[in-house]
N, C-alpha and C. Protein backbone atom coordinates (compact mmCIF):
# COMPACT_ATOMS: atom_id res chain seq x y z
N MET A 1 73.92 81.14 91.75
CA MET A 1 74.53 82.21 90.98
C MET A 1 75.83 81.69 90.38
N ASN A 2 76.12 82.12 89.20
CA ASN A 2 77.34 81.76 88.50
C ASN A 2 78.56 82.26 89.29
N THR A 3 79.58 81.41 89.40
CA THR A 3 80.79 81.77 90.14
C THR A 3 81.43 83.04 89.60
N ALA A 4 81.43 83.20 88.28
CA ALA A 4 82.02 84.41 87.69
C ALA A 4 81.27 85.66 88.17
N ASN A 5 79.96 85.56 88.31
CA ASN A 5 79.18 86.71 88.79
C ASN A 5 79.57 87.06 90.22
N LEU A 6 79.80 86.04 91.04
CA LEU A 6 80.22 86.28 92.42
C LEU A 6 81.59 86.92 92.46
N GLN A 7 82.48 86.48 91.58
CA GLN A 7 83.81 87.07 91.53
C GLN A 7 83.74 88.52 91.10
N LEU A 8 82.90 88.83 90.13
CA LEU A 8 82.74 90.22 89.68
C LEU A 8 82.13 91.08 90.79
N LYS A 9 81.19 90.51 91.52
CA LYS A 9 80.59 91.23 92.64
C LYS A 9 81.68 91.62 93.65
N GLY A 10 82.54 90.67 93.98
CA GLY A 10 83.64 90.96 94.91
C GLY A 10 84.61 91.98 94.36
N LEU A 11 84.92 91.86 93.08
CA LEU A 11 85.85 92.80 92.44
C LEU A 11 85.27 94.21 92.44
N ILE A 12 84.01 94.35 92.12
CA ILE A 12 83.38 95.68 92.09
C ILE A 12 83.40 96.30 93.49
N MET A 13 83.08 95.53 94.52
CA MET A 13 83.09 96.07 95.87
C MET A 13 84.51 96.40 96.32
N ALA A 14 85.49 95.61 95.89
CA ALA A 14 86.88 95.92 96.21
C ALA A 14 87.29 97.23 95.54
N MET A 15 86.90 97.41 94.29
CA MET A 15 87.24 98.65 93.58
C MET A 15 86.57 99.85 94.25
N ALA A 16 85.36 99.67 94.75
CA ALA A 16 84.68 100.76 95.46
C ALA A 16 85.49 101.16 96.69
N SER A 17 86.01 100.18 97.42
CA SER A 17 86.83 100.48 98.61
C SER A 17 88.14 101.13 98.22
N ILE A 18 88.73 100.68 97.12
CA ILE A 18 89.97 101.29 96.63
C ILE A 18 89.73 102.74 96.24
N CYS A 19 88.62 103.00 95.58
CA CYS A 19 88.28 104.38 95.20
C CYS A 19 88.13 105.25 96.44
N ASP A 20 87.48 104.72 97.48
CA ASP A 20 87.36 105.46 98.75
C ASP A 20 88.74 105.79 99.30
N ALA A 21 89.64 104.81 99.30
CA ALA A 21 90.98 105.01 99.84
C ALA A 21 91.75 106.04 99.03
N ILE A 22 91.58 106.03 97.73
CA ILE A 22 92.27 107.00 96.86
C ILE A 22 91.84 108.42 97.20
N VAL A 23 90.56 108.60 97.46
CA VAL A 23 90.07 109.94 97.82
C VAL A 23 90.50 110.29 99.24
N GLU A 24 90.40 109.33 100.17
CA GLU A 24 90.80 109.58 101.56
C GLU A 24 92.27 109.96 101.67
N LYS A 25 93.12 109.33 100.87
CA LYS A 25 94.56 109.62 100.89
C LYS A 25 94.90 110.84 100.04
N GLU A 26 93.88 111.44 99.45
CA GLU A 26 94.02 112.64 98.64
C GLU A 26 94.94 112.45 97.44
N LEU A 27 94.91 111.22 96.87
CA LEU A 27 95.63 110.96 95.63
C LEU A 27 94.84 111.53 94.46
N LEU A 28 93.53 111.49 94.58
CA LEU A 28 92.61 112.14 93.65
C LEU A 28 91.53 112.81 94.48
N THR A 29 91.02 113.89 93.97
CA THR A 29 89.86 114.50 94.63
C THR A 29 88.62 113.72 94.21
N SER A 30 87.56 113.95 94.91
CA SER A 30 86.29 113.33 94.56
C SER A 30 85.89 113.72 93.14
N GLY A 31 86.11 114.97 92.80
CA GLY A 31 85.79 115.46 91.45
C GLY A 31 86.62 114.78 90.38
N GLU A 32 87.91 114.57 90.67
CA GLU A 32 88.78 113.89 89.70
C GLU A 32 88.38 112.43 89.51
N LEU A 33 88.00 111.78 90.61
CA LEU A 33 87.54 110.39 90.51
C LEU A 33 86.25 110.33 89.70
N ASN A 34 85.33 111.24 89.99
CA ASN A 34 84.08 111.31 89.21
C ASN A 34 84.36 111.54 87.74
N ALA A 35 85.31 112.41 87.43
CA ALA A 35 85.64 112.69 86.03
C ALA A 35 86.20 111.45 85.34
N ALA A 36 87.04 110.69 86.04
CA ALA A 36 87.60 109.47 85.46
C ALA A 36 86.50 108.44 85.19
N LEU A 37 85.58 108.29 86.13
CA LEU A 37 84.48 107.35 85.94
C LEU A 37 83.54 107.82 84.82
N ALA A 38 83.30 109.12 84.76
CA ALA A 38 82.46 109.67 83.69
C ALA A 38 83.11 109.45 82.33
N LYS A 39 84.42 109.58 82.28
CA LYS A 39 85.16 109.36 81.03
C LYS A 39 85.03 107.90 80.58
N ALA A 40 85.14 106.97 81.53
CA ALA A 40 84.98 105.55 81.22
C ALA A 40 83.56 105.27 80.72
N LYS A 41 82.59 105.84 81.39
CA LYS A 41 81.18 105.66 80.99
C LYS A 41 80.95 106.22 79.59
N GLN A 42 81.47 107.39 79.34
CA GLN A 42 81.29 108.02 78.02
C GLN A 42 81.95 107.19 76.92
N ALA A 43 83.10 106.62 77.21
CA ALA A 43 83.79 105.79 76.21
C ALA A 43 82.94 104.58 75.83
N VAL A 44 82.27 103.99 76.81
CA VAL A 44 81.38 102.86 76.53
C VAL A 44 80.18 103.32 75.72
N GLU A 45 79.60 104.44 76.13
CA GLU A 45 78.41 104.94 75.43
C GLU A 45 78.72 105.39 74.01
N ASP A 46 79.93 105.89 73.78
CA ASP A 46 80.32 106.37 72.46
C ASP A 46 80.79 105.26 71.53
N ASN A 47 81.05 104.08 72.09
CA ASN A 47 81.53 102.97 71.27
C ASN A 47 80.48 102.64 70.23
N ASP A 48 80.89 102.60 68.98
CA ASP A 48 79.93 102.36 67.91
C ASP A 48 79.87 100.88 67.50
N ASP A 49 80.19 100.01 68.45
CA ASP A 49 80.11 98.57 68.19
C ASP A 49 78.63 98.19 68.08
N HIS A 50 78.18 98.05 66.87
CA HIS A 50 76.76 97.80 66.63
C HIS A 50 76.34 96.38 66.99
N GLU A 51 77.32 95.54 67.33
CA GLU A 51 77.00 94.17 67.69
C GLU A 51 76.50 94.06 69.13
N LEU A 52 76.68 95.11 69.90
CA LEU A 52 76.24 95.07 71.29
C LEU A 52 74.76 95.42 71.40
N SER A 53 74.04 94.59 72.12
CA SER A 53 72.64 94.91 72.40
C SER A 53 72.60 95.95 73.52
N ASP A 54 71.45 96.56 73.70
CA ASP A 54 71.30 97.51 74.81
C ASP A 54 71.57 96.83 76.15
N ALA A 55 71.14 95.58 76.28
CA ALA A 55 71.37 94.84 77.52
C ALA A 55 72.85 94.61 77.76
N ASN A 56 73.60 94.30 76.69
CA ASN A 56 75.04 94.10 76.85
C ASN A 56 75.74 95.40 77.20
N ARG A 57 75.33 96.49 76.59
CA ARG A 57 75.92 97.79 76.89
C ARG A 57 75.61 98.16 78.36
N ALA A 58 74.39 97.90 78.80
CA ALA A 58 74.02 98.16 80.19
C ALA A 58 74.87 97.32 81.14
N ALA A 59 75.16 96.08 80.74
CA ALA A 59 75.99 95.21 81.57
C ALA A 59 77.41 95.75 81.68
N ILE A 60 77.93 96.28 80.59
CA ILE A 60 79.27 96.87 80.61
C ILE A 60 79.29 98.11 81.51
N LEU A 61 78.23 98.89 81.46
CA LEU A 61 78.16 100.12 82.25
C LEU A 61 77.89 99.87 83.74
N PHE A 62 77.37 98.70 84.07
CA PHE A 62 76.98 98.41 85.46
C PHE A 62 78.09 98.69 86.47
N PRO A 63 79.29 98.13 86.31
CA PRO A 63 80.31 98.39 87.34
C PRO A 63 80.72 99.85 87.43
N ILE A 64 80.71 100.55 86.30
CA ILE A 64 81.05 101.98 86.32
C ILE A 64 79.99 102.73 87.12
N ARG A 65 78.74 102.40 86.89
CA ARG A 65 77.66 103.07 87.62
C ARG A 65 77.73 102.76 89.12
N VAL A 66 78.05 101.51 89.46
CA VAL A 66 78.19 101.15 90.88
C VAL A 66 79.30 101.99 91.51
N LEU A 67 80.44 102.10 90.83
CA LEU A 67 81.54 102.89 91.39
C LEU A 67 81.17 104.36 91.52
N GLN A 68 80.41 104.89 90.58
CA GLN A 68 79.94 106.28 90.70
C GLN A 68 79.04 106.44 91.93
N LEU A 69 78.14 105.49 92.12
CA LEU A 69 77.25 105.55 93.29
C LEU A 69 78.02 105.36 94.59
N ALA A 70 79.02 104.49 94.57
CA ALA A 70 79.84 104.26 95.77
C ALA A 70 80.61 105.52 96.13
N GLU A 71 81.10 106.22 95.12
CA GLU A 71 81.82 107.47 95.39
C GLU A 71 80.87 108.50 96.01
N GLU A 72 79.67 108.60 95.48
CA GLU A 72 78.68 109.53 96.04
C GLU A 72 78.34 109.16 97.48
N ALA A 73 78.14 107.87 97.72
CA ALA A 73 77.82 107.41 99.07
C ALA A 73 78.98 107.69 100.02
N GLY A 74 80.20 107.46 99.55
CA GLY A 74 81.38 107.73 100.38
C GLY A 74 81.48 109.18 100.79
N ARG A 75 81.13 110.08 99.87
CA ARG A 75 81.15 111.51 100.20
C ARG A 75 80.17 111.83 101.32
N ARG A 76 79.08 111.07 101.36
CA ARG A 76 78.07 111.28 102.41
C ARG A 76 78.38 110.48 103.68
N GLY A 77 79.49 109.72 103.64
CA GLY A 77 79.85 108.90 104.80
C GLY A 77 79.04 107.63 104.91
N GLU A 78 78.43 107.21 103.82
CA GLU A 78 77.60 106.00 103.82
C GLU A 78 78.37 104.83 103.23
N ARG A 79 78.06 103.65 103.70
CA ARG A 79 78.58 102.40 103.13
C ARG A 79 77.37 101.55 102.77
N LEU A 80 77.20 101.32 101.50
CA LEU A 80 76.06 100.52 101.03
C LEU A 80 76.53 99.13 100.65
N THR A 81 75.57 98.21 100.56
CA THR A 81 75.88 96.85 100.14
C THR A 81 75.80 96.75 98.62
N PHE A 82 76.31 95.66 98.08
CA PHE A 82 76.22 95.43 96.65
C PHE A 82 74.76 95.43 96.20
N SER A 83 73.91 94.81 96.99
CA SER A 83 72.47 94.78 96.65
C SER A 83 71.88 96.18 96.59
N ASP A 84 72.29 97.03 97.53
CA ASP A 84 71.82 98.43 97.51
C ASP A 84 72.24 99.11 96.21
N TYR A 85 73.50 98.92 95.85
CA TYR A 85 74.00 99.54 94.61
C TYR A 85 73.27 98.99 93.39
N ALA A 86 73.05 97.69 93.37
CA ALA A 86 72.36 97.07 92.22
C ALA A 86 70.96 97.64 92.06
N LYS A 87 70.27 97.82 93.17
CA LYS A 87 68.92 98.42 93.11
C LYS A 87 68.98 99.85 92.58
N LEU A 88 69.95 100.61 93.05
CA LEU A 88 70.08 101.99 92.60
C LEU A 88 70.43 102.07 91.12
N VAL A 89 71.31 101.20 90.66
CA VAL A 89 71.66 101.19 89.24
C VAL A 89 70.42 100.82 88.42
N GLY A 90 69.63 99.87 88.91
CA GLY A 90 68.40 99.48 88.23
C GLY A 90 67.45 100.65 88.06
N LYS A 91 67.41 101.53 89.03
CA LYS A 91 66.54 102.71 88.95
C LYS A 91 67.09 103.75 87.97
N MET A 92 68.43 103.70 87.73
CA MET A 92 69.06 104.67 86.83
C MET A 92 68.78 104.34 85.36
N THR A 93 68.54 103.08 85.07
CA THR A 93 68.41 102.67 83.67
C THR A 93 66.98 102.54 83.23
């Protein structure tokens, strides 16, 4: 696997843990975190950059979708692996 991919994998999982901590410390509610992630997702989807292929757009959305799934799992008290999240994102698209 490409080193950059491994670094992104670590970064995404770190962000998932940070999002959990933000909700646990009540800096944001779960709903507010979801709204922020939905806003980021919508901004990507609304971007009219016609040079992006569907695969590239899906790649950009991948970390946002992982963080959304991690937030949902956290609400249920679950901790999933990166592979679990990747499989779930694959089912979403």
